[in-house]
Amino acid sequence: MKTKSKTILLALFCLLYTISLAQDRLGLPRIINYSKDDYRAATMNWSILRGPDGKIYFGNNYGLIAYDGVNWDPIL
C-alpha cells in the first residue's frame, strides 16, 4: 500500500512540476493597462494604429490620441 501511495505522490509531483514549466514568462508581451485619467480622454478606443514614426495612434470618442511610449498627446 505504501508503494502505491508513493507512486501516486510521485506522479502528482511530476504532473504539477511540468504544469509549472508550461507557464514560463519568457517571451510573453508586457501588458500595461492605462486608465482614462492617464491619457486624458474617453474610455472607448475604437481603432489602434502604429505609425511610421513609431507612435501608436488611438481613435477615441474624444478624437485622435498619440502615444510615444512616454507621453499621451491629443491630436484632434
PDB file of N, CA and C in Angstrom:
ATOM      1  N   MET A   1       0.818  -1.196   0.000  1.00  0.00           N
ATOM      2  CA  MET A   1       0.000   0.000   0.000  1.00  0.00           C
ATOM      3  C   MET A   1       0.860   1.258   0.000  1.00  0.00           C
ATOM      4  N   LYS A   2       1.968   1.221   0.754  1.00  0.00           N
ATOM      5  CA  LYS A   2       2.833   2.392   0.808  1.00  0.00           C
ATOM      6  C   LYS A   2       3.489   2.658  -0.538  1.00  0.00           C
ATOM      7  N   THR A   3       3.812   1.597  -1.254  1.00  0.00           N
ATOM      8  CA  THR A   3       4.438   1.749  -2.565  1.00  0.00           C
ATOM      9  C   THR A   3       3.467   2.405  -3.545  1.00  0.00           C
ATOM     10  N   LYS A   4       2.208   2.027  -3.470  1.00  0.00           N
ATOM     11  CA  LYS A   4       1.201   2.595  -4.362  1.00  0.00           C
ATOM     12  C   LYS A   4       0.997   4.082  -4.073  1.00  0.00           C
ATOM     13  N   SER A   5       0.931   4.460  -2.807  1.00  0.00           N
ATOM     14  CA  SER A   5       0.739   5.872  -2.469  1.00  0.00           C
ATOM     15  C   SER A   5       1.975   6.694  -2.809  1.00  0.00           C
ATOM     16  N   LYS A   6       3.172   6.099  -2.682  1.00  0.00           N
ATOM     17  CA  LYS A   6       4.391   6.808  -3.083  1.00  0.00           C
ATOM     18  C   LYS A   6       4.409   7.034  -4.592  1.00  0.00           C
ATOM     19  N   THR A   7       3.961   6.039  -5.344  1.00  0.00           N
ATOM     20  CA  THR A   7       3.909   6.155  -6.804  1.00  0.00           C
ATOM     21  C   THR A   7       2.921   7.241  -7.224  1.00  0.00           C
ATOM     22  N   ILE A   8       1.775   7.269  -6.584  1.00  0.00           N
ATOM     23  CA  ILE A   8       0.772   8.294  -6.890  1.00  0.00           C
ATOM     24  C   ILE A   8       1.299   9.674  -6.523  1.00  0.00           C
ATOM     25  N   LEU A   9       1.949   9.782  -5.377  1.00  0.00           N
ATOM     26  CA  LEU A   9       2.515  11.058  -4.950  1.00  0.00           C
ATOM     27  C   LEU A   9       3.599  11.533  -5.914  1.00  0.00           C
ATOM     28  N   LEU A  10       4.446  10.630  -6.357  1.00  0.00           N
ATOM     29  CA  LEU A  10       5.494  10.976  -7.318  1.00  0.00           C
ATOM     30  C   LEU A  10       4.895  11.410  -8.655  1.00  0.00           C
ATOM     31  N   ALA A  11       3.881  10.711  -9.116  1.00  0.00           N
ATOM     32  CA  ALA A  11       3.217  11.071 -10.375  1.00  0.00           C
ATOM     33  C   ALA A  11       2.550  12.435 -10.264  1.00  0.00           C
ATOM     34  N   LEU A  12       1.924  12.706  -9.137  1.00  0.00           N
ATOM     35  CA  LEU A  12       1.291  14.005  -8.913  1.00  0.00           C
ATOM     36  C   LEU A  12       2.327  15.117  -8.881  1.00  0.00           C
ATOM     37  N   PHE A  13       3.442  14.875  -8.218  1.00  0.00           N
ATOM     38  CA  PHE A  13       4.520  15.862  -8.173  1.00  0.00           C
ATOM     39  C   PHE A  13       5.050  16.155  -9.575  1.00  0.00           C
ATOM     40  N   CYS A  14       5.290  15.112 -10.359  1.00  0.00           N
ATOM     41  CA  CYS A  14       5.801  15.293 -11.730  1.00  0.00           C
ATOM     42  C   CYS A  14       4.803  16.062 -12.585  1.00  0.00           C
ATOM     43  N   LEU A  15       3.530  15.771 -12.433  1.00  0.00           N
ATOM     44  CA  LEU A  15       2.499  16.466 -13.191  1.00  0.00           C
ATOM     45  C   LEU A  15       2.464  17.950 -12.834  1.00  0.00           C
ATOM     46  N   LEU A  16       2.478  18.249 -11.549  1.00  0.00           N
ATOM     47  CA  LEU A  16       2.448  19.647 -11.121  1.00  0.00           C
ATOM     48  C   LEU A  16       3.719  20.388 -11.526  1.00  0.00           C
ATOM     49  N   TYR A  17       4.840  19.701 -11.512  1.00  0.00           N
ATOM     50  CA  TYR A  17       6.103  20.318 -11.918  1.00  0.00           C
ATOM     51  C   TYR A  17       6.081  20.677 -13.399  1.00  0.00           C
ATOM     52  N   THR A  18       5.596  19.781 -14.234  1.00  0.00           N
ATOM     53  CA  THR A  18       5.559  20.071 -15.674  1.00  0.00           C
ATOM     54  C   THR A  18       4.548  21.161 -15.997  1.00  0.00           C
ATOM     55  N   ILE A  19       3.463  21.246 -15.255  1.00  0.00           N
ATOM     56  CA  ILE A  19       2.497  22.324 -15.465  1.00  0.00           C
ATOM     57  C   ILE A  19       3.141  23.664 -15.140  1.00  0.00           C
ATOM     58  N   SER A  20       3.946  23.723 -14.091  1.00  0.00           N
ATOM     59  CA  SER A  20       4.599  24.986 -13.738  1.00  0.00           C
ATOM     60  C   SER A  20       5.609  25.402 -14.795  1.00  0.00           C
ATOM     61  N   LEU A  21       6.238  24.460 -15.476  1.00  0.00           N
ATOM     62  CA  LEU A  21       7.173  24.799 -16.548  1.00  0.00           C
ATOM     63  C   LEU A  21       6.449  25.348 -17.769  1.00  0.00           C
ATOM     64  N   ALA A  22       5.217  24.959 -17.967  1.00  0.00           N
ATOM     65  CA  ALA A  22       4.447  25.431 -19.115  1.00  0.00           C
ATOM     66  C   ALA A  22       4.046  26.891 -18.960  1.00  0.00           C
ATOM     67  N   GLN A  23       4.175  27.435 -17.783  1.00  0.00           N
ATOM     68  CA  GLN A  23       3.772  28.808 -17.520  1.00  0.00           C
ATOM     69  C   GLN A  23       4.957  29.759 -17.514  1.00  0.00           C
ATOM     70  N   ASP A  24       5.916  29.528 -18.359  1.00  0.00           N
ATOM     71  CA  ASP A  24       7.115  30.357 -18.421  1.00  0.00           C
ATOM     72  C   ASP A  24       6.769  31.769 -18.872  1.00  0.00           C
ATOM     73  N   ARG A  25       7.326  32.774 -18.225  1.00  0.00           N
ATOM     74  CA  ARG A  25       7.050  34.163 -18.558  1.00  0.00           C
ATOM     75  C   ARG A  25       7.933  34.687 -19.687  1.00  0.00           C
ATOM     76  N   LEU A  26       8.984  34.000 -20.001  1.00  0.00           N
ATOM     77  CA  LEU A  26       9.884  34.443 -21.044  1.00  0.00           C
ATOM     78  C   LEU A  26       9.158  34.479 -22.383  1.00  0.00           C
ATOM     79  N   GLY A  27       9.205  35.609 -23.045  1.00  0.00           N
ATOM     80  CA  GLY A  27       8.571  35.741 -24.342  1.00  0.00           C
ATOM     81  C   GLY A  27       7.155  36.280 -24.306  1.00  0.00           C
ATOM     82  N   LEU A  28       6.567  36.419 -23.136  1.00  0.00           N
ATOM     83  CA  LEU A  28       5.230  36.983 -23.053  1.00  0.00           C
ATOM     84  C   LEU A  28       5.299  38.496 -23.215  1.00  0.00           C
ATOM     85  N   PRO A  29       4.352  39.096 -23.922  1.00  0.00           N
ATOM     86  CA  PRO A  29       4.384  40.551 -24.083  1.00  0.00           C
ATOM     87  C   PRO A  29       4.071  41.251 -22.767  1.00  0.00           C
ATOM     88  N   ARG A  30       4.683  42.397 -22.578  1.00  0.00           N
ATOM     89  CA  ARG A  30       4.416  43.188 -21.382  1.00  0.00           C
ATOM     90  C   ARG A  30       3.106  43.935 -21.603  1.00  0.00           C
ATOM     91  N   ILE A  31       2.165  43.738 -20.731  1.00  0.00           N
ATOM     92  CA  ILE A  31       0.854  44.361 -20.861  1.00  0.00           C
ATOM     93  C   ILE A  31       0.678  45.372 -19.744  1.00  0.00           C
ATOM     94  N   ILE A  32       0.369  46.614 -20.131  1.00  0.00           N
ATOM     95  CA  ILE A  32       0.131  47.684 -19.171  1.00  0.00           C
ATOM     96  C   ILE A  32      -1.265  48.233 -19.430  1.00  0.00           C
ATOM     97  N   ASN A  33      -2.075  48.316 -18.413  1.00  0.00           N
ATOM     98  CA  ASN A  33      -3.408  48.895 -18.536  1.00  0.00           C
ATOM     99  C   ASN A  33      -3.355  50.358 -18.125  1.00  0.00           C
ATOM    100  N   TYR A  34      -3.879  51.225 -18.984  1.00  0.00           N
ATOM    101  CA  TYR A  34      -3.930  52.654 -18.707  1.00  0.00           C
ATOM    102  C   TYR A  34      -5.376  53.053 -18.456  1.00  0.00           C
ATOM    103  N   SER A  35      -5.576  53.925 -17.493  1.00  0.00           N
ATOM    104  CA  SER A  35      -6.923  54.427 -17.236  1.00  0.00           C
ATOM    105  C   SER A  35      -7.164  55.662 -18.097  1.00  0.00           C
ATOM    106  N   LYS A  36      -8.413  56.081 -18.187  1.00  0.00           N
ATOM    107  CA  LYS A  36      -8.726  57.269 -18.981  1.00  0.00           C
ATOM    108  C   LYS A  36      -8.085  58.515 -18.381  1.00  0.00           C
ATOM    109  N   ASP A  37      -7.773  58.479 -17.099  1.00  0.00           N
ATOM    110  CA  ASP A  37      -7.080  59.609 -16.473  1.00  0.00           C
ATOM    111  C   ASP A  37      -5.629  59.698 -16.932  1.00  0.00           C
ATOM    112  N   ASP A  38      -5.027  58.578 -17.296  1.00  0.00           N
ATOM    113  CA  ASP A  38      -3.645  58.583 -17.785  1.00  0.00           C
ATOM    114  C   ASP A  38      -3.538  59.290 -19.129  1.00  0.00           C
ATOM    115  N   TYR A  39      -4.463  58.996 -20.041  1.00  0.00           N
ATOM    116  CA  TYR A  39      -4.368  59.594 -21.372  1.00  0.00           C
ATOM    117  C   TYR A  39      -5.360  60.734 -21.592  1.00  0.00           C
ATOM    118  N   ARG A  40      -6.084  61.107 -20.551  1.00  0.00           N
ATOM    119  CA  ARG A  40      -6.975  62.260 -20.545  1.00  0.00           C
ATOM    120  C   ARG A  40      -7.953  62.265 -21.726  1.00  0.00           C
ATOM    121  N   ALA A  41      -8.679  61.182 -21.876  1.00  0.00           N
ATOM    122  CA  ALA A  41      -9.682  61.075 -22.937  1.00  0.00           C
ATOM    123  C   ALA A  41     -10.781  60.122 -22.482  1.00  0.00           C
ATOM    124  N   ALA A  42     -11.660  59.764 -23.416  1.00  0.00           N
ATOM    125  CA  ALA A  42     -12.784  58.883 -23.098  1.00  0.00           C
ATOM    126  C   ALA A  42     -12.312  57.439 -22.911  1.00  0.00           C
ATOM    127  N   THR A  43     -13.207  56.621 -22.408  1.00  0.00           N
ATOM    128  CA  THR A  43     -12.850  55.223 -22.145  1.00  0.00           C
ATOM    129  C   THR A  43     -12.909  54.346 -23.388  1.00  0.00           C
ATOM    130  N   MET A  44     -13.615  54.772 -24.418  1.00  0.00           N
ATOM    131  CA  MET A  44     -13.791  53.943 -25.618  1.00  0.00           C
ATOM    132  C   MET A  44     -12.735  54.256 -26.667  1.00  0.00           C
ATOM    133  N   ASN A  45     -11.904  53.268 -26.981  1.00  0.00           N
ATOM    134  CA  ASN A  45     -10.936  53.369 -28.071  1.00  0.00           C
ATOM    135  C   ASN A  45     -11.436  52.483 -29.202  1.00  0.00           C
ATOM    136  N   TRP A  46     -11.615  53.067 -30.377  1.00  0.00           N
ATOM    137  CA  TRP A  46     -12.227  52.360 -31.491  1.00  0.00           C
ATOM    138  C   TRP A  46     -11.216  51.776 -32.462  1.00  0.00           C
ATOM    139  N   SER A  47     -10.056  52.379 -32.543  1.00  0.00           N
ATOM    140  CA  SER A  47      -9.073  51.911 -33.515  1.00  0.00           C
ATOM    141  C   SER A  47      -7.676  52.185 -32.984  1.00  0.00           C
ATOM    142  N   ILE A  48      -6.737  51.295 -33.323  1.00  0.00           N
ATOM    143  CA  ILE A  48      -5.345  51.449 -32.901  1.00  0.00           C
ATOM    144  C   ILE A  48      -4.462  51.227 -34.119  1.00  0.00           C
ATOM    145  N   LEU A  49      -3.466  52.106 -34.289  1.00  0.00           N
ATOM    146  CA  LEU A  49      -2.569  52.011 -35.433  1.00  0.00           C
ATOM    147  C   LEU A  49      -1.178  52.438 -35.007  1.00  0.00           C
ATOM    148  N   ARG A  50      -0.173  51.720 -35.477  1.00  0.00           N
ATOM    149  CA  ARG A  50       1.214  52.129 -35.246  1.00  0.00           C
ATOM    150  C   ARG A  50       1.684  52.880 -36.479  1.00  0.00           C
ATOM    151  N   GLY A  51       2.095  54.133 -36.273  1.00  0.00           N
ATOM    152  CA  GLY A  51       2.520  54.973 -37.381  1.00  0.00           C
ATOM    153  C   GLY A  51       3.963  54.723 -37.780  1.00  0.00           C
ATOM    154  N   PRO A  52       4.385  55.269 -38.924  1.00  0.00           N
ATOM    155  CA  PRO A  52       5.763  55.094 -39.386  1.00  0.00           C
ATOM    156  C   PRO A  52       6.785  55.769 -38.472  1.00  0.00           C
ATOM    157  N   ASP A  53       6.311  56.716 -37.657  1.00  0.00           N
ATOM    158  CA  ASP A  53       7.198  57.398 -36.712  1.00  0.00           C
ATOM    159  C   ASP A  53       7.383  56.622 -35.416  1.00  0.00           C
ATOM    160  N   GLY A  54       6.730  55.460 -35.289  1.00  0.00           N
ATOM    161  CA  GLY A  54       6.862  54.626 -34.097  1.00  0.00           C
ATOM    162  C   GLY A  54       5.818  54.906 -33.037  1.00  0.00           C
ATOM    163  N   LYS A  55       5.054  55.975 -33.195  1.00  0.00           N
ATOM    164  CA  LYS A  55       3.998  56.285 -32.232  1.00  0.00           C
ATOM    165  C   LYS A  55       2.802  55.375 -32.473  1.00  0.00           C
ATOM    166  N   ILE A  56       2.031  55.186 -31.413  1.00  0.00           N
ATOM    167  CA  ILE A  56       0.797  54.419 -31.517  1.00  0.00           C
ATOM    168  C   ILE A  56      -0.358  55.411 -31.447  1.00  0.00           C
ATOM    169  N   TYR A  57      -1.250  55.327 -32.422  1.00  0.00           N
ATOM    170  CA  TYR A  57      -2.381  56.252 -32.521  1.00  0.00           C
ATOM    171  C   TYR A  57      -3.669  55.526 -32.154  1.00  0.00           C
ATOM    172  N   PHE A  58      -4.494  56.207 -31.359  1.00  0.00           N
ATOM    173  CA  PHE A  58      -5.757  55.650 -30.893  1.00  0.00           C
ATOM    174  C   PHE A  58      -6.898  56.535 -31.364  1.00  0.00           C
ATOM    175  N   GLY A  59      -7.877  55.928 -32.019  1.00  0.00           N
ATOM    176  CA  GLY A  59      -9.109  56.631 -32.350  1.00  0.00           C
ATOM    177  C   GLY A  59     -10.054  56.496 -31.172  1.00  0.00           C
ATOM    178  N   ASN A  60     -10.329  57.607 -30.509  1.00  0.00           N
ATOM    179  CA  ASN A  60     -11.065  57.627 -29.256  1.00  0.00           C
ATOM    180  C   ASN A  60     -12.352  58.420 -29.444  1.00  0.00           C
ATOM    181  N   ASN A  61     -13.291  58.304 -28.505  1.00  0.00           N
ATOM    182  CA  ASN A  61     -14.509  59.116 -28.560  1.00  0.00           C
ATOM    183  C   ASN A  61     -14.195  60.604 -28.537  1.00  0.00           C
ATOM    184  N   TYR A  62     -13.084  61.001 -27.936  1.00  0.00           N
ATOM    185  CA  TYR A  62     -12.718  62.415 -27.859  1.00  0.00           C
ATOM    186  C   TYR A  62     -11.885  62.873 -29.045  1.00  0.00           C
ATOM    187  N   GLY A  63     -11.417  61.958 -29.876  1.00  0.00           N
ATOM    188  CA  GLY A  63     -10.599  62.324 -31.025  1.00  0.00           C
ATOM    189  C   GLY A  63      -9.430  61.372 -31.185  1.00  0.00           C
ATOM    190  N   LEU A  64      -8.372  61.866 -31.811  1.00  0.00           N
ATOM    191  CA  LEU A  64      -7.186  61.062 -32.071  1.00  0.00           C
ATOM    192  C   LEU A  64      -6.140  61.338 -30.995  1.00  0.00           C
ATOM    193  N   ILE A  65      -5.559  60.278 -30.457  1.00  0.00           N
ATOM    194  CA  ILE A  65      -4.559  60.389 -29.396  1.00  0.00           C
ATOM    195  C   ILE A  65      -3.304  59.666 -29.852  1.00  0.00           C
ATOM    196  N   ALA A  66      -2.139  60.264 -29.616  1.00  0.00           N
ATOM    197  CA  ALA A  66      -0.863  59.640 -29.970  1.00  0.00           C
ATOM    198  C   ALA A  66      -0.113  59.285 -28.695  1.00  0.00           C
ATOM    199  N   TYR A  67       0.532  58.132 -28.706  1.00  0.00           N
ATOM    200  CA  TYR A  67       1.333  57.681 -27.566  1.00  0.00           C
ATOM    201  C   TYR A  67       2.711  57.303 -28.077  1.00  0.00           C
ATOM    202  N   ASP A  68       3.748  57.933 -27.510  1.00  0.00           N
ATOM    203  CA  ASP A  68       5.122  57.678 -27.961  1.00  0.00           C
ATOM    204  C   ASP A  68       5.898  56.756 -27.028  1.00  0.00           C
ATOM    205  N   GLY A  69       5.216  56.149 -26.085  1.00  0.00           N
ATOM    206  CA  GLY A  69       5.867  55.274 -25.121  1.00  0.00           C
ATOM    207  C   GLY A  69       6.056  55.942 -23.777  1.00  0.00           C
ATOM    208  N   VAL A  70       5.933  57.276 -23.759  1.00  0.00           N
ATOM    209  CA  VAL A  70       6.062  58.039 -22.517  1.00  0.00           C
ATOM    210  C   VAL A  70       4.888  58.995 -22.351  1.00  0.00           C
ATOM    211  N   ASN A  71       4.604  59.761 -23.393  1.00  0.00           N
ATOM    212  CA  ASN A  71       3.599  60.824 -23.325  1.00  0.00           C
ATOM    213  C   ASN A  71       2.387  60.517 -24.195  1.00  0.00           C
ATOM    214  N   TRP A  72       1.229  60.945 -23.696  1.00  0.00           N
ATOM    215  CA  TRP A  72      -0.019  60.886 -24.445  1.00  0.00           C
ATOM    216  C   TRP A  72      -0.297  62.282 -24.973  1.00  0.00           C
ATOM    217  N   ASP A  73      -0.493  62.410 -26.282  1.00  0.00           N
ATOM    218  CA  ASP A  73      -0.743  63.718 -26.890  1.00  0.00           C
ATOM    219  C   ASP A  73      -2.028  63.672 -27.704  1.00  0.00           C
ATOM    220  N   PRO A  74      -2.996  64.558 -27.377  1.00  0.00           N
ATOM    221  CA  PRO A  74      -4.202  64.630 -28.218  1.00  0.00           C
ATOM    222  C   PRO A  74      -3.864  65.287 -29.553  1.00  0.00           C
ATOM    223  N   ILE A  75      -4.340  64.719 -30.654  1.00  0.00           N
ATOM    224  CA  ILE A  75      -4.085  65.263 -31.985  1.00  0.00           C
ATOM    225  C   ILE A  75      -5.265  66.110 -32.438  1.00  0.00           C
ATOM    226  N   LEU A  76      -6.470  65.599 -32.279  1.00  0.00           N
ATOM    227  CA  LEU A  76      -7.678  66.314 -32.710  1.00  0.00           C
ATOM    228  C   LEU A  76      -8.555  66.623 -31.531  1.00  0.00           C
TER     229      LEU A  76
END
